[in-house]
Amino acid sequence: MTRVVRFHEYGEPEVLRIDDIEVPVPAADEVQIAVRAIGLNRAEVMFRRHAYLQEAQFPSMLGYEAAGTVKALGSDVSGFAEGDAVSVIPTLDMARWGTYGEVINVPARHVVRHPQNLSFEKAAASWMQYVTAWGALIEQARLSAGDFVIVSAASSSVGIAAFQIARSAGATVIATTRTSAKTEGLHKAGAHYVIATAEEDLLARVREITGGKGARVIFDPIGGPAVAQLAECMAVGGILLEYGALSPEEGSFPQFAVIRKSLTLKGYLYTETVSDHAALERAKTFILEGLQSGALDPLISRIFTFDQIQAATHFLESNEQIGKVVVTLD
């Protein structure tokens, strides 16, 4: 029997339970992994709350990221060996291939041998954030040297990943956060500038920082009414990439700014990268090289034990963290 985290109804973190189940042998195209660490994501919170893109079939597993060692291989899998240290790129179905467990099965195309310099904790904290940020900033926005990029909700793991990827492209990072409580931490994490939106005039500060040009790229997971304000902060020909919907409110479409500045507003999901074989291979190459060189270095806010899964999720939802929340099975 194997311990896995499942939920039997939608609700708060208290619905998460550790169940003992039989994990089947891996399918022909799957890798079975003995998990050493798990990375937590807000998508899992939304799934548990019935606010995500898919319905749960109870009892449901969940989870997108993990790292550990190969335990068994499906009959069609090559390129891996038992005992290899590997990590998981988020799949297209967290209920089917949930990662919150001691032993998991994952499609081989979503498994990668990570650099030896990476701990299991950092490996488990890498793929959702870097794939998401890379796909938006490099593939979609073509971020390059001299660009200004606004990263909102910047203390999230994806926000910190965006800092590192933007810096690797030679861009200047403007981080936004609600209050100044996280300003020092965001500077240390790699932001060139930090704007506390509840305490400062966002548009005035962006104009000051960019010399009146505005930011060519905005990377935002909030949406809602703030989109209209962000549009005013953009440069002519800029692109706003919306990769989340943390705001519970619908925002009005900023038609005048869009027309006046020839703006592009685009929704973006990590699935655009992982469902495209060529794009996924480009992402793997970029991210693995960055992890190997240290240009990409996952920032972990706090580590919990497997038995503390409810507490770990509460901390994730508190918004107190800067970086990734990780659960360890060591």
C-alpha atoms as a PDB file:
ATOM      1  CA  MET A   1       0.000   0.000   0.000  1.00  0.00           C
ATOM      2  CA  THR A   2       1.085   3.554  -0.718  1.00  0.00           C
ATOM      3  CA  ARG A   3       0.137   6.778   1.046  1.00  0.00           C
ATOM      4  CA  VAL A   4      -1.410   9.412  -1.243  1.00  0.00           C
ATOM      5  CA  VAL A   5      -3.222  12.669  -0.607  1.00  0.00           C
ATOM      6  CA  ARG A   6      -6.782  12.749  -1.922  1.00  0.00           C
ATOM      7  CA  PHE A   7      -9.935  14.793  -1.331  1.00  0.00           C
ATOM      8  CA  HIS A   8     -13.403  13.268  -1.174  1.00  0.00           C
ATOM      9  CA  GLU A   9     -15.314  16.544  -1.506  1.00  0.00           C
ATOM     10  CA  TYR A  10     -14.627  20.141  -2.490  1.00  0.00           C
ATOM     11  CA  GLY A  11     -13.612  22.497   0.306  1.00  0.00           C
ATOM     12  CA  GLU A  12     -10.861  24.037   2.392  1.00  0.00           C
ATOM     13  CA  PRO A  13      -7.473  22.352   3.095  1.00  0.00           C
ATOM     14  CA  GLU A  14      -9.122  20.222   5.780  1.00  0.00           C
ATOM     15  CA  VAL A  15     -10.706  18.059   3.056  1.00  0.00           C
ATOM     16  CA  LEU A  16      -7.230  16.794   2.110  1.00  0.00           C
ATOM     17  CA  ARG A  17      -6.730  13.279   3.489  1.00  0.00           C
ATOM     18  CA  ILE A  18      -3.838  10.849   3.425  1.00  0.00           C
ATOM     19  CA  ASP A  19      -5.233   7.535   2.150  1.00  0.00           C
ATOM     20  CA  ASP A  20      -3.581   4.154   1.715  1.00  0.00           C
ATOM     21  CA  ILE A  21      -4.100   2.802  -1.797  1.00  0.00           C
ATOM     22  CA  GLU A  22      -2.622   0.293  -4.220  1.00  0.00           C
ATOM     23  CA  VAL A  23      -0.682   2.083  -6.959  1.00  0.00           C
ATOM     24  CA  PRO A  24      -0.908   0.101 -10.226  1.00  0.00           C
ATOM     25  CA  VAL A  25       2.126  -0.822 -12.274  1.00  0.00           C
ATOM     26  CA  PRO A  26       3.003   1.923 -14.768  1.00  0.00           C
ATOM     27  CA  ALA A  27       1.239   1.884 -18.127  1.00  0.00           C
ATOM     28  CA  ALA A  28       3.315   1.265 -21.235  1.00  0.00           C
ATOM     29  CA  ASP A  29       4.189   4.958 -21.642  1.00  0.00           C
ATOM     30  CA  GLU A  30       4.561   5.802 -17.942  1.00  0.00           C
ATOM     31  CA  VAL A  31       7.366   6.100 -15.408  1.00  0.00           C
ATOM     32  CA  GLN A  32       6.783   5.110 -11.800  1.00  0.00           C
ATOM     33  CA  ILE A  33       8.512   7.431  -9.330  1.00  0.00           C
ATOM     34  CA  ALA A  34       9.311   7.058  -5.633  1.00  0.00           C
ATOM     35  CA  VAL A  35       8.629  10.630  -4.578  1.00  0.00           C
ATOM     36  CA  ARG A  36      11.077  12.596  -2.445  1.00  0.00           C
ATOM     37  CA  ALA A  37       9.551  16.091  -2.708  1.00  0.00           C
ATOM     38  CA  ILE A  38       6.380  17.777  -3.984  1.00  0.00           C
ATOM     39  CA  GLY A  39       5.899  21.350  -5.202  1.00  0.00           C
ATOM     40  CA  LEU A  40       2.570  23.016  -4.385  1.00  0.00           C
ATOM     41  CA  ASN A  41       0.692  25.257  -6.827  1.00  0.00           C
ATOM     42  CA  ARG A  42      -2.327  27.564  -6.746  1.00  0.00           C
ATOM     43  CA  ALA A  43      -3.922  25.530  -9.529  1.00  0.00           C
ATOM     44  CA  GLU A  44      -4.268  22.692  -7.019  1.00  0.00           C
ATOM     45  CA  VAL A  45      -6.000  25.037  -4.585  1.00  0.00           C
ATOM     46  CA  MET A  46      -8.468  26.065  -7.295  1.00  0.00           C
ATOM     47  CA  PHE A  47      -9.077  22.420  -8.238  1.00  0.00           C
ATOM     48  CA  ARG A  48      -9.786  21.510  -4.613  1.00  0.00           C
ATOM     49  CA  ARG A  49     -12.183  24.464  -4.327  1.00  0.00           C
ATOM     50  CA  HIS A  50     -14.088  23.563  -7.533  1.00  0.00           C
ATOM     51  CA  ALA A  51     -12.795  26.685  -9.305  1.00  0.00           C
ATOM     52  CA  TYR A  52     -10.488  25.065 -11.852  1.00  0.00           C
ATOM     53  CA  LEU A  53     -10.668  23.918 -15.468  1.00  0.00           C
ATOM     54  CA  GLN A  54     -11.700  20.330 -14.685  1.00  0.00           C
ATOM     55  CA  GLU A  55     -14.152  18.463 -12.506  1.00  0.00           C
ATOM     56  CA  ALA A  56     -13.019  16.093  -9.786  1.00  0.00           C
ATOM     57  CA  GLN A  57     -14.174  12.482  -9.674  1.00  0.00           C
ATOM     58  CA  PHE A  58     -14.151  11.609  -5.978  1.00  0.00           C
ATOM     59  CA  PRO A  59     -12.023  10.503  -4.307  1.00  0.00           C
ATOM     60  CA  SER A  60      -9.597  12.577  -6.358  1.00  0.00           C
ATOM     61  CA  MET A  61      -5.853  12.884  -6.366  1.00  0.00           C
ATOM     62  CA  LEU A  62      -4.205  16.204  -7.178  1.00  0.00           C
ATOM     63  CA  GLY A  63      -0.822  17.751  -7.794  1.00  0.00           C
ATOM     64  CA  TYR A  64       1.325  18.835 -10.712  1.00  0.00           C
ATOM     65  CA  GLU A  65       4.950  18.678  -9.510  1.00  0.00           C
ATOM     66  CA  ALA A  66       7.235  16.198  -7.799  1.00  0.00           C
ATOM     67  CA  ALA A  67      10.786  14.892  -7.776  1.00  0.00           C
ATOM     68  CA  GLY A  68      12.197  11.542  -6.770  1.00  0.00           C
ATOM     69  CA  THR A  69      13.786   8.402  -8.172  1.00  0.00           C
ATOM     70  CA  VAL A  70      12.622   6.051 -10.906  1.00  0.00           C
ATOM     71  CA  LYS A  71      11.088   2.935  -9.395  1.00  0.00           C
ATOM     72  CA  ALA A  72       9.739   1.178 -12.498  1.00  0.00           C
ATOM     73  CA  LEU A  73       9.314   1.754 -16.230  1.00  0.00           C
ATOM     74  CA  GLY A  74       6.452   1.066 -18.601  1.00  0.00           C
ATOM     75  CA  SER A  75       7.146  -1.403 -21.404  1.00  0.00           C
ATOM     76  CA  ASP A  76       7.477   1.307 -24.081  1.00  0.00           C
ATOM     77  CA  VAL A  77       9.672   3.695 -22.070  1.00  0.00           C
ATOM     78  CA  SER A  78      13.342   4.192 -22.885  1.00  0.00           C
ATOM     79  CA  GLY A  79      15.933   6.733 -21.833  1.00  0.00           C
ATOM     80  CA  PHE A  80      15.477   6.183 -18.096  1.00  0.00           C
ATOM     81  CA  ALA A  81      16.782   3.595 -15.658  1.00  0.00           C
ATOM     82  CA  GLU A  82      15.684   2.525 -12.207  1.00  0.00           C
ATOM     83  CA  GLY A  83      17.243   4.790  -9.608  1.00  0.00           C
ATOM     84  CA  ASP A  84      17.520   7.854 -11.885  1.00  0.00           C
ATOM     85  CA  ALA A  85      16.866  11.154 -10.110  1.00  0.00           C
ATOM     86  CA  VAL A  86      13.967  12.759 -11.982  1.00  0.00           C
ATOM     87  CA  SER A  87      11.401  15.514 -11.700  1.00  0.00           C
ATOM     88  CA  VAL A  88       7.925  15.968 -13.159  1.00  0.00           C
ATOM     89  CA  ILE A  89       6.771  18.531 -15.715  1.00  0.00           C
ATOM     90  CA  PRO A  90       3.066  19.283 -15.083  1.00  0.00           C
ATOM     91  CA  THR A  91       0.750  16.979 -16.990  1.00  0.00           C
ATOM     92  CA  LEU A  92      -2.570  17.828 -18.627  1.00  0.00           C
ATOM     93  CA  ASP A  93      -4.638  16.082 -15.935  1.00  0.00           C
ATOM     94  CA  MET A  94      -3.670  16.331 -12.265  1.00  0.00           C
ATOM     95  CA  ALA A  95      -6.509  14.065 -11.170  1.00  0.00           C
ATOM     96  CA  ARG A  96      -5.269  11.216 -13.368  1.00  0.00           C
ATOM     97  CA  TRP A  97      -1.561  11.770 -12.703  1.00  0.00           C
ATOM     98  CA  GLY A  98      -1.618  13.429  -9.284  1.00  0.00           C
ATOM     99  CA  THR A  99       1.756  13.971  -7.638  1.00  0.00           C
ATOM    100  CA  TYR A 100       0.725  14.146  -3.958  1.00  0.00           C
ATOM    101  CA  GLY A 101       1.840  10.635  -3.073  1.00  0.00           C
ATOM    102  CA  GLU A 102       4.725   8.430  -1.984  1.00  0.00           C
ATOM    103  CA  VAL A 103       4.664   6.571  -5.327  1.00  0.00           C
ATOM    104  CA  ILE A 104       3.204   8.012  -8.537  1.00  0.00           C
ATOM    105  CA  ASN A 105       2.892   7.118 -12.232  1.00  0.00           C
ATOM    106  CA  VAL A 106       3.564   9.863 -14.792  1.00  0.00           C
ATOM    107  CA  PRO A 107       3.729   9.855 -18.623  1.00  0.00           C
ATOM    108  CA  ALA A 108       7.369   9.585 -19.694  1.00  0.00           C
ATOM    109  CA  ARG A 109       7.232  12.779 -21.807  1.00  0.00           C
ATOM    110  CA  HIS A 110       6.570  14.688 -18.573  1.00  0.00           C
ATOM    111  CA  VAL A 111       9.568  13.212 -16.748  1.00  0.00           C
ATOM    112  CA  VAL A 112      13.077  14.648 -16.952  1.00  0.00           C
ATOM    113  CA  ARG A 113      16.422  13.822 -15.384  1.00  0.00           C
ATOM    114  CA  HIS A 114      17.302  17.037 -13.608  1.00  0.00           C
ATOM    115  CA  PRO A 115      20.860  18.365 -13.080  1.00  0.00           C
ATOM    116  CA  GLN A 116      22.848  16.702 -10.305  1.00  0.00           C
ATOM    117  CA  ASN A 117      23.449  20.066  -8.638  1.00  0.00           C
ATOM    118  CA  LEU A 118      19.721  20.302  -7.855  1.00  0.00           C
ATOM    119  CA  SER A 119      18.233  18.968  -4.620  1.00  0.00           C
ATOM    120  CA  PHE A 120      14.969  17.034  -4.791  1.00  0.00           C
ATOM    121  CA  GLU A 121      13.253  19.976  -3.101  1.00  0.00           C
ATOM    122  CA  LYS A 122      14.451  22.452  -5.735  1.00  0.00           C
ATOM    123  CA  ALA A 123      13.745  20.022  -8.555  1.00  0.00           C
ATOM    124  CA  ALA A 124      10.152  19.696  -7.332  1.00  0.00           C
ATOM    125  CA  ALA A 125       9.923  23.498  -7.259  1.00  0.00           C
ATOM    126  CA  SER A 126      11.061  24.057 -10.843  1.00  0.00           C
ATOM    127  CA  TRP A 127       8.831  22.959 -13.653  1.00  0.00           C
ATOM    128  CA  MET A 128       5.443  24.618 -13.258  1.00  0.00           C
ATOM    129  CA  GLN A 129       6.967  28.012 -12.580  1.00  0.00           C
ATOM    130  CA  TYR A 130       9.655  27.951 -15.262  1.00  0.00           C
ATOM    131  CA  VAL A 131       7.530  26.356 -17.993  1.00  0.00           C
ATOM    132  CA  THR A 132       4.774  28.916 -17.355  1.00  0.00           C
ATOM    133  CA  ALA A 133       7.115  31.921 -17.304  1.00  0.00           C
ATOM    134  CA  TRP A 134       9.231  30.699 -20.234  1.00  0.00           C
ATOM    135  CA  GLY A 135       6.216  30.016 -22.441  1.00  0.00           C
ATOM    136  CA  ALA A 136       4.757  33.457 -21.801  1.00  0.00           C
ATOM    137  CA  LEU A 137       7.857  35.640 -21.756  1.00  0.00           C
ATOM    138  CA  ILE A 138      10.119  33.911 -24.291  1.00  0.00           C
ATOM    139  CA  GLU A 139       7.778  32.053 -26.646  1.00  0.00           C
ATOM    140  CA  GLN A 140       4.831  34.458 -26.652  1.00  0.00           C
ATOM    141  CA  ALA A 141       6.277  37.901 -25.847  1.00  0.00           C
ATOM    142  CA  ARG A 142       9.752  37.401 -27.363  1.00  0.00           C
ATOM    143  CA  LEU A 143      11.211  39.286 -24.402  1.00  0.00           C
ATOM    144  CA  SER A 144      14.639  40.729 -25.170  1.00  0.00           C
ATOM    145  CA  ALA A 145      17.335  43.090 -23.908  1.00  0.00           C
ATOM    146  CA  GLY A 146      16.075  46.594 -23.286  1.00  0.00           C
ATOM    147  CA  ASP A 147      12.470  45.559 -22.622  1.00  0.00           C
ATOM    148  CA  PHE A 148      10.614  46.518 -19.459  1.00  0.00           C
ATOM    149  CA  VAL A 149       8.348  43.794 -18.056  1.00  0.00           C
ATOM    150  CA  ILE A 150       5.791  44.218 -15.275  1.00  0.00           C
ATOM    151  CA  VAL A 151       5.345  41.082 -13.166  1.00  0.00           C
ATOM    152  CA  SER A 152       2.257  41.343 -10.963  1.00  0.00           C
ATOM    153  CA  ALA A 153       1.500  39.194  -7.903  1.00  0.00           C
ATOM    154  CA  ALA A 154       5.260  39.013  -7.972  1.00  0.00           C
ATOM    155  CA  SER A 155       5.918  37.043  -4.782  1.00  0.00           C
ATOM    156  CA  SER A 156       4.453  33.835  -6.243  1.00  0.00           C
ATOM    157  CA  SER A 157       6.795  31.109  -7.442  1.00  0.00           C
ATOM    158  CA  VAL A 158       5.885  31.902 -11.059  1.00  0.00           C
ATOM    159  CA  GLY A 159       6.569  35.574 -10.396  1.00  0.00           C
ATOM    160  CA  ILE A 160      10.055  34.822  -9.050  1.00  0.00           C
ATOM    161  CA  ALA A 161      10.706  32.518 -12.012  1.00  0.00           C
ATOM    162  CA  ALA A 162       9.688  35.359 -14.327  1.00  0.00           C
ATOM    163  CA  PHE A 163      12.324  37.611 -12.699  1.00  0.00           C
ATOM    164  CA  GLN A 164      15.062  35.101 -13.470  1.00  0.00           C
ATOM    165  CA  ILE A 165      13.952  34.407 -17.030  1.00  0.00           C
ATOM    166  CA  ALA A 166      13.523  38.108 -17.782  1.00  0.00           C
ATOM    167  CA  ARG A 167      16.980  38.865 -16.417  1.00  0.00           C
ATOM    168  CA  SER A 168      18.472  36.078 -18.527  1.00  0.00           C
ATOM    169  CA  ALA A 169      16.974  37.834 -21.575  1.00  0.00           C
ATOM    170  CA  GLY A 170      18.437  41.199 -20.516  1.00  0.00           C
ATOM    171  CA  ALA A 171      15.066  42.762 -19.630  1.00  0.00           C
ATOM    172  CA  THR A 172      14.295  45.078 -16.705  1.00  0.00           C
ATOM    173  CA  VAL A 173      11.833  43.703 -14.134  1.00  0.00           C
ATOM    174  CA  ILE A 174       9.174  45.854 -12.476  1.00  0.00           C
ATOM    175  CA  ALA A 175       7.488  43.800  -9.738  1.00  0.00           C
ATOM    176  CA  THR A 176       4.133  44.757  -8.266  1.00  0.00           C
ATOM    177  CA  THR A 177       2.834  43.724  -4.874  1.00  0.00           C
ATOM    178  CA  ARG A 178      -0.024  45.043  -2.770  1.00  0.00           C
ATOM    179  CA  THR A 179       1.963  46.528   0.138  1.00  0.00           C
ATOM    180  CA  SER A 180       5.610  47.332   0.829  1.00  0.00           C
ATOM    181  CA  ALA A 181       5.948  44.415   3.284  1.00  0.00           C
ATOM    182  CA  LYS A 182       7.581  42.249   0.608  1.00  0.00           C
ATOM    183  CA  THR A 183       9.614  44.970  -1.121  1.00  0.00           C
ATOM    184  CA  GLU A 184      12.996  43.969   0.300  1.00  0.00           C
ATOM    185  CA  GLY A 185      12.373  40.278  -0.374  1.00  0.00           C
ATOM    186  CA  LEU A 186      11.374  40.941  -3.971  1.00  0.00           C
ATOM    187  CA  HIS A 187      14.494  43.015  -4.574  1.00  0.00           C
ATOM    188  CA  LYS A 188      16.601  40.181  -3.165  1.00  0.00           C
ATOM    189  CA  ALA A 189      14.732  37.731  -5.422  1.00  0.00           C
ATOM    190  CA  GLY A 190      15.744  39.691  -8.522  1.00  0.00           C
ATOM    191  CA  ALA A 191      13.309  42.531  -9.190  1.00  0.00           C
ATOM    192  CA  HIS A 192      14.972  45.729 -10.419  1.00  0.00           C
ATOM    193  CA  TYR A 193      12.026  47.830  -9.190  1.00  0.00           C
ATOM    194  CA  VAL A 194       9.137  47.088  -6.818  1.00  0.00           C
ATOM    195  CA  ILE A 195       5.846  49.006  -6.751  1.00  0.00           C
ATOM    196  CA  ALA A 196       3.430  48.618  -3.811  1.00  0.00           C
ATOM    197  CA  THR A 197       0.124  49.193  -5.582  1.00  0.00           C
ATOM    198  CA  ALA A 198      -1.866  50.019  -2.419  1.00  0.00           C
ATOM    199  CA  GLU A 199       0.665  52.676  -1.418  1.00  0.00           C
ATOM    200  CA  GLU A 200       1.947  54.140  -4.697  1.00  0.00           C
ATOM    201  CA  ASP A 201       0.548  55.455  -7.964  1.00  0.00           C
ATOM    202  CA  LEU A 202       1.229  52.555 -10.318  1.00  0.00           C
ATOM    203  CA  LEU A 203       0.969  54.490 -13.571  1.00  0.00           C
ATOM    204  CA  ALA A 204       3.127  57.373 -12.338  1.00  0.00           C
ATOM    205  CA  ARG A 205       5.841  55.013 -11.084  1.00  0.00           C
ATOM    206  CA  VAL A 206       5.891  52.982 -14.310  1.00  0.00           C
ATOM    207  CA  ARG A 207       6.202  56.152 -16.369  1.00  0.00           C
ATOM    208  CA  GLU A 208       9.037  57.321 -14.115  1.00  0.00           C
ATOM    209  CA  ILE A 209      10.908  53.999 -14.337  1.00  0.00           C
ATOM    210  CA  THR A 210      10.489  53.607 -18.108  1.00  0.00           C
ATOM    211  CA  GLY A 211      11.138  57.227 -19.044  1.00  0.00           C
ATOM    212  CA  GLY A 212       7.521  57.666 -20.111  1.00  0.00           C
ATOM    213  CA  LYS A 213       7.516  54.741 -22.579  1.00  0.00           C
ATOM    214  CA  GLY A 214       5.657  52.192 -20.498  1.00  0.00           C
ATOM    215  CA  ALA A 215       6.313  48.463 -20.248  1.00  0.00           C
ATOM    216  CA  ARG A 216       6.316  46.400 -23.442  1.00  0.00           C
ATOM    217  CA  VAL A 217       5.364  43.198 -21.586  1.00  0.00           C
ATOM    218  CA  ILE A 218       3.028  42.562 -18.657  1.00  0.00           C
ATOM    219  CA  PHE A 219       2.779  39.137 -17.008  1.00  0.00           C
ATOM    220  CA  ASP A 220      -0.329  39.023 -14.818  1.00  0.00           C
ATOM    221  CA  PRO A 221      -2.226  36.272 -12.933  1.00  0.00           C
ATOM    222  CA  ILE A 222      -4.856  38.537 -11.334  1.00  0.00           C
ATOM    223  CA  GLY A 223      -7.100  39.936 -14.056  1.00  0.00           C
ATOM    224  CA  GLY A 224     -10.292  41.728 -13.067  1.00  0.00           C
ATOM    225  CA  PRO A 225     -10.582  45.527 -12.915  1.00  0.00           C
ATOM    226  CA  ALA A 226      -6.791  45.958 -12.630  1.00  0.00           C
ATOM    227  CA  VAL A 227      -6.337  45.002 -16.300  1.00  0.00           C
ATOM    228  CA  ALA A 228      -7.571  48.436 -17.390  1.00  0.00           C
ATOM    229  CA  GLN A 229      -4.956  50.109 -15.177  1.00  0.00           C
ATOM    230  CA  LEU A 230      -2.225  47.797 -16.439  1.00  0.00           C
ATOM    231  CA  ALA A 231      -3.132  48.633 -20.033  1.00  0.00           C
ATOM    232  CA  GLU A 232      -2.429  52.301 -19.301  1.00  0.00           C
ATOM    233  CA  CYS A 233       1.048  51.282 -18.085  1.00  0.00           C
ATOM    234  CA  MET A 234       1.972  49.626 -21.394  1.00  0.00           C
ATOM    235  CA  ALA A 235       4.170  50.795 -24.225  1.00  0.00           C
ATOM    236  CA  VAL A 236       2.917  51.152 -27.778  1.00  0.00           C
ATOM    237  CA  GLY A 237       2.774  47.686 -29.354  1.00  0.00           C
ATOM    238  CA  GLY A 238       2.941  46.012 -25.957  1.00  0.00           C
ATOM    239  CA  ILE A 239       1.556  42.612 -24.961  1.00  0.00           C
ATOM    240  CA  LEU A 240      -0.275  41.704 -21.755  1.00  0.00           C
ATOM    241  CA  LEU A 241      -0.262  37.993 -20.935  1.00  0.00           C
ATOM    242  CA  GLU A 242      -3.004  36.934 -18.525  1.00  0.00           C
ATOM    243  CA  TYR A 243      -2.172  33.554 -16.997  1.00  0.00           C
ATOM    244  CA  GLY A 244      -4.594  33.453 -14.077  1.00  0.00           C
ATOM    245  CA  ALA A 245      -7.843  34.786 -12.649  1.00  0.00           C
ATOM    246  CA  LEU A 246      -7.109  35.493  -8.989  1.00  0.00           C
ATOM    247  CA  SER A 247      -9.531  38.401  -9.018  1.00  0.00           C
ATOM    248  CA  PRO A 248     -13.116  37.304  -8.320  1.00  0.00           C
ATOM    249  CA  GLU A 249     -14.404  40.249 -10.364  1.00  0.00           C
ATOM    250  CA  GLU A 250     -14.819  40.690 -14.108  1.00  0.00           C
ATOM    251  CA  GLY A 251     -12.887  43.624 -15.510  1.00  0.00           C
ATOM    252  CA  SER A 252     -14.021  45.931 -18.285  1.00  0.00           C
ATOM    253  CA  PHE A 253     -12.205  45.705 -21.605  1.00  0.00           C
ATOM    254  CA  PRO A 254      -9.759  48.663 -21.910  1.00  0.00           C
ATOM    255  CA  GLN A 255     -10.714  49.387 -25.508  1.00  0.00           C
ATOM    256  CA  PHE A 256      -9.348  52.930 -25.730  1.00  0.00           C
ATOM    257  CA  ALA A 257      -5.885  51.980 -24.447  1.00  0.00           C
ATOM    258  CA  VAL A 258      -5.842  48.886 -26.669  1.00  0.00           C
ATOM    259  CA  ILE A 259      -6.633  50.920 -29.781  1.00  0.00           C
ATOM    260  CA  ARG A 260      -4.504  53.933 -28.904  1.00  0.00           C
ATOM    261  CA  LYS A 261      -1.426  51.829 -28.198  1.00  0.00           C
ATOM    262  CA  SER A 262      -2.018  48.892 -30.582  1.00  0.00           C
ATOM    263  CA  LEU A 263      -1.915  46.485 -27.651  1.00  0.00           C
ATOM    264  CA  THR A 264      -2.220  42.705 -27.569  1.00  0.00           C
ATOM    265  CA  LEU A 265      -4.099  41.133 -24.635  1.00  0.00           C
ATOM    266  CA  LYS A 266      -3.721  37.348 -24.586  1.00  0.00           C
ATOM    267  CA  GLY A 267      -4.772  34.590 -22.252  1.00  0.00           C
ATOM    268  CA  TYR A 268      -1.974  32.098 -21.608  1.00  0.00           C
ATOM    269  CA  LEU A 269      -1.936  28.621 -20.054  1.00  0.00           C
ATOM    270  CA  TYR A 270       1.071  26.382 -19.429  1.00  0.00           C
ATOM    271  CA  THR A 271      -0.751  23.743 -21.490  1.00  0.00           C
ATOM    272  CA  GLU A 272       0.127  25.694 -24.636  1.00  0.00           C
ATOM    273  CA  THR A 273       3.713  24.617 -24.025  1.00  0.00           C
ATOM    274  CA  VAL A 274       3.329  21.102 -22.621  1.00  0.00           C
ATOM    275  CA  SER A 275       0.826  19.991 -25.272  1.00  0.00           C
ATOM    276  CA  ASP A 276       3.153  21.065 -28.096  1.00  0.00           C
ATOM    277  CA  HIS A 277       6.028  18.599 -28.491  1.00  0.00           C
ATOM    278  CA  ALA A 278       8.443  21.042 -30.142  1.00  0.00           C
ATOM    279  CA  ALA A 279       7.691  23.823 -27.661  1.00  0.00           C
ATOM    280  CA  LEU A 280       8.109  21.451 -24.733  1.00  0.00           C
ATOM    281  CA  GLU A 281      11.504  20.347 -26.007  1.00  0.00           C
ATOM    282  CA  ARG A 282      12.586  23.999 -26.339  1.00  0.00           C
ATOM    283  CA  ALA A 283      11.377  24.667 -22.815  1.00  0.00           C
ATOM    284  CA  LYS A 284      13.244  21.638 -21.438  1.00  0.00           C
ATOM    285  CA  THR A 285      16.486  22.758 -23.102  1.00  0.00           C
ATOM    286  CA  PHE A 286      16.210  26.349 -21.843  1.00  0.00           C
ATOM    287  CA  ILE A 287      15.234  25.372 -18.294  1.00  0.00           C
ATOM    288  CA  LEU A 288      17.736  22.546 -17.875  1.00  0.00           C
ATOM    289  CA  GLU A 289      20.567  24.781 -19.103  1.00  0.00           C
ATOM    290  CA  GLY A 290      19.459  27.501 -16.694  1.00  0.00           C
ATOM    291  CA  LEU A 291      19.212  25.119 -13.751  1.00  0.00           C
ATOM    292  CA  GLN A 292      22.631  23.667 -14.576  1.00  0.00           C
ATOM    293  CA  SER A 293      24.313  27.075 -14.838  1.00  0.00           C
ATOM    294  CA  GLY A 294      22.513  28.606 -11.873  1.00  0.00           C
ATOM    295  CA  ALA A 295      20.851  31.309 -13.975  1.00  0.00           C
ATOM    296  CA  LEU A 296      17.598  29.677 -12.869  1.00  0.00           C
ATOM    297  CA  ASP A 297      17.553  28.950  -9.144  1.00  0.00           C
ATOM    298  CA  PRO A 298      14.213  27.982  -7.546  1.00  0.00           C
ATOM    299  CA  LEU A 299      13.451  30.041  -4.453  1.00  0.00           C
ATOM    300  CA  ILE A 300      11.834  27.946  -1.734  1.00  0.00           C
ATOM    301  CA  SER A 301       9.853  29.827   0.883  1.00  0.00           C
ATOM    302  CA  ARG A 302       9.195  26.957   3.296  1.00  0.00           C
ATOM    303  CA  ILE A 303       9.366  23.157   3.447  1.00  0.00           C
ATOM    304  CA  PHE A 304       6.740  20.983   5.171  1.00  0.00           C
ATOM    305  CA  THR A 305       6.553  17.225   5.777  1.00  0.00           C
ATOM    306  CA  PHE A 306       4.069  14.977   3.985  1.00  0.00           C
ATOM    307  CA  ASP A 307       1.971  14.648   7.144  1.00  0.00           C
ATOM    308  CA  GLN A 308       1.704  18.456   7.218  1.00  0.00           C
ATOM    309  CA  ILE A 309      -0.046  18.699   3.839  1.00  0.00           C
ATOM    310  CA  GLN A 310      -2.974  20.655   5.263  1.00  0.00           C
ATOM    311  CA  ALA A 311      -0.663  23.141   7.002  1.00  0.00           C
ATOM    312  CA  ALA A 312       1.435  23.472   3.841  1.00  0.00           C
ATOM    313  CA  THR A 313      -1.673  24.306   1.830  1.00  0.00           C
ATOM    314  CA  HIS A 314      -2.865  26.812   4.412  1.00  0.00           C
ATOM    315  CA  PHE A 315       0.531  28.538   4.174  1.00  0.00           C
ATOM    316  CA  LEU A 316       0.313  28.595   0.371  1.00  0.00           C
ATOM    317  CA  GLU A 317      -3.096  30.247   0.598  1.00  0.00           C
ATOM    318  CA  SER A 318      -1.940  32.796   3.197  1.00  0.00           C
ATOM    319  CA  ASN A 319       0.062  34.731   0.573  1.00  0.00           C
ATOM    320  CA  GLU A 320       2.821  35.198   3.147  1.00  0.00           C
ATOM    321  CA  GLN A 321       5.431  33.381   1.062  1.00  0.00           C
ATOM    322  CA  ILE A 322       7.957  34.643  -1.446  1.00  0.00           C
ATOM    323  CA  GLY A 323       8.703  31.699  -3.703  1.00  0.00           C
ATOM    324  CA  LYS A 324       7.681  28.064  -3.605  1.00  0.00           C
ATOM    325  CA  VAL A 325       6.028  25.950  -0.926  1.00  0.00           C
ATOM    326  CA  VAL A 326       7.459  22.410  -0.914  1.00  0.00           C
ATOM    327  CA  VAL A 327       6.496  19.178   0.844  1.00  0.00           C
ATOM    328  CA  THR A 328       9.254  16.644   1.544  1.00  0.00           C
ATOM    329  CA  LEU A 329       8.964  12.895   1.951  1.00  0.00           C
ATOM    330  CA  ASP A 330      12.497  12.315   3.278  1.00  0.00           C
END
